[in-house]
């Protein structure tokens, strides 16, 4: 059985690596440093969860989320940001994000179970 796929769109390579470490091996993780690159291959991708940074060069995360909602609803999206505020979080949720998480974050495994 194949692991479910999580797509990560973040221009920070360290963040891509962190998300991969947190999620693998339970999930297959595919990373993109650019939103346009991700949107360009969306039709060929299997359904999966999207972890999307708000602040990206070129096409930002909110614009990406709007474009994706018009094209393909197969990607429930978790927005992440290191510079979040209530207004951005509200915009993300109105655009269809299922969650909004501020960086830095860690997994329960890194903090110790039950902490």
Protein backbone atom coordinates (compact mmCIF):
# COMPACT_ATOMS: atom_id res chain seq x y z
CA UNK A 1 0.00 0.00 0.00
CA UNK A 2 1.31 3.45 -0.91
CA UNK A 3 1.60 6.12 1.75
CA UNK A 4 -0.67 9.17 1.33
CA UNK A 5 1.08 12.11 -0.30
CA UNK A 6 1.80 15.49 1.22
CA UNK A 7 2.94 18.24 -1.13
CA UNK A 8 5.05 20.99 0.45
CA UNK A 9 5.38 24.37 -1.27
CA UNK A 10 7.93 26.47 0.59
CA UNK A 11 10.94 28.38 -0.73
CA UNK A 12 12.89 27.58 2.46
CA UNK A 13 14.81 24.34 1.92
CA UNK A 14 15.27 23.86 5.67
CA UNK A 15 11.49 24.01 6.16
CA UNK A 16 11.00 21.46 3.39
CA UNK A 17 13.48 19.17 5.16
CA UNK A 18 11.79 19.67 8.55
CA UNK A 19 8.34 18.83 7.18
CA UNK A 20 9.78 15.76 5.45
CA UNK A 21 11.40 14.57 8.71
CA UNK A 22 8.18 15.07 10.65
CA UNK A 23 5.93 13.29 8.15
CA UNK A 24 7.98 10.46 6.67
CA UNK A 25 7.63 7.48 6.63
CA UNK A 26 3.89 7.74 7.37
CA UNK A 27 3.47 10.00 4.33
CA UNK A 28 5.18 10.39 0.99
CA UNK A 29 6.46 13.99 0.85
CA UNK A 30 7.07 15.86 -2.40
CA UNK A 31 8.50 19.38 -2.15
CA UNK A 32 8.35 22.41 -4.40
CA UNK A 33 10.24 25.68 -3.88
CA UNK A 34 7.93 27.62 -6.17
CA UNK A 35 4.14 27.86 -6.36
CA UNK A 36 4.10 28.19 -10.15
CA UNK A 37 6.09 24.97 -10.43
CA UNK A 38 3.54 23.19 -8.22
CA UNK A 39 0.54 24.58 -10.12
CA UNK A 40 2.18 23.58 -13.39
CA UNK A 41 2.17 19.90 -12.45
CA UNK A 42 -1.10 19.78 -10.49
CA UNK A 43 -3.03 17.93 -13.22
CA UNK A 44 -0.52 15.07 -13.10
CA UNK A 45 -0.43 14.76 -9.29
CA UNK A 46 -2.27 12.22 -7.19
CA UNK A 47 -4.66 13.70 -4.61
CA UNK A 48 -2.97 14.67 -1.36
CA UNK A 49 -2.62 17.25 1.36
CA UNK A 50 -0.86 20.52 0.56
CA UNK A 51 1.35 22.35 3.06
CA UNK A 52 1.65 25.83 1.58
CA UNK A 53 3.75 28.76 2.77
CA UNK A 54 1.98 32.13 2.77
CA UNK A 55 4.98 34.19 1.69
CA UNK A 56 6.56 32.86 -1.49
CA UNK A 57 8.51 34.67 -4.22
CA UNK A 58 6.44 35.33 -7.32
CA UNK A 59 3.02 33.83 -6.69
CA UNK A 60 2.27 33.92 -2.95
CA UNK A 61 0.44 31.26 -0.96
CA UNK A 62 -2.95 33.00 -0.86
CA UNK A 63 -2.94 33.52 -4.63
CA UNK A 64 -1.87 29.91 -5.06
CA UNK A 65 -4.73 28.74 -2.85
CA UNK A 66 -7.22 30.79 -4.89
CA UNK A 67 -5.84 29.41 -8.17
CA UNK A 68 -5.92 25.86 -6.86
CA UNK A 69 -9.53 26.15 -5.65
CA UNK A 70 -10.58 27.12 -9.17
CA UNK A 71 -8.57 24.31 -10.80
CA UNK A 72 -8.57 21.31 -8.55
CA UNK A 73 -10.16 20.63 -5.16
CA UNK A 74 -8.14 17.43 -4.49
CA UNK A 75 -5.66 19.19 -2.23
CA UNK A 76 -6.85 20.12 1.28
CA UNK A 77 -4.43 22.85 2.29
CA UNK A 78 -2.62 23.73 5.48
CA UNK A 79 -1.14 27.22 5.31
CA UNK A 80 2.12 27.87 7.16
CA UNK A 81 3.95 31.11 7.84
CA UNK A 82 6.67 32.60 9.96
CA UNK A 83 4.97 36.02 9.90
CA UNK A 84 1.33 35.31 10.55
CA UNK A 85 -1.36 37.63 11.76
CA UNK A 86 -5.10 37.30 12.25
CA UNK A 87 -5.91 38.99 8.93
CA UNK A 88 -3.74 36.56 6.93
CA UNK A 89 -5.17 33.58 8.84
CA UNK A 90 -8.75 34.73 8.14
CA UNK A 91 -7.95 35.25 4.45
CA UNK A 92 -6.42 31.77 4.24
CA UNK A 93 -9.42 30.11 5.88
CA UNK A 94 -11.87 32.02 3.66
CA UNK A 95 -9.86 30.90 0.62
CA UNK A 96 -10.32 27.28 1.67
CA UNK A 97 -7.38 26.40 3.91
CA UNK A 98 -8.24 23.70 6.45
CA UNK A 99 -5.68 24.95 8.97
CA UNK A 100 -3.18 27.76 9.58
CA UNK A 101 0.07 27.03 11.43
CA UNK A 102 2.78 29.48 12.46
CA UNK A 103 6.45 28.60 12.08
CA UNK A 104 8.50 27.39 13.79
CA UNK A 105 6.69 24.21 14.66
CA UNK A 106 7.78 20.79 15.79
CA UNK A 107 6.25 17.35 15.76
CA UNK A 108 4.99 15.58 18.88
CA UNK A 109 7.80 13.08 18.35
CA UNK A 110 10.40 15.86 18.55
CA UNK A 111 8.85 17.35 21.71
CA UNK A 112 8.31 13.97 23.31
CA UNK A 113 4.97 12.18 23.34
CA UNK A 114 2.42 13.67 25.67
CA UNK A 115 4.27 16.96 26.22
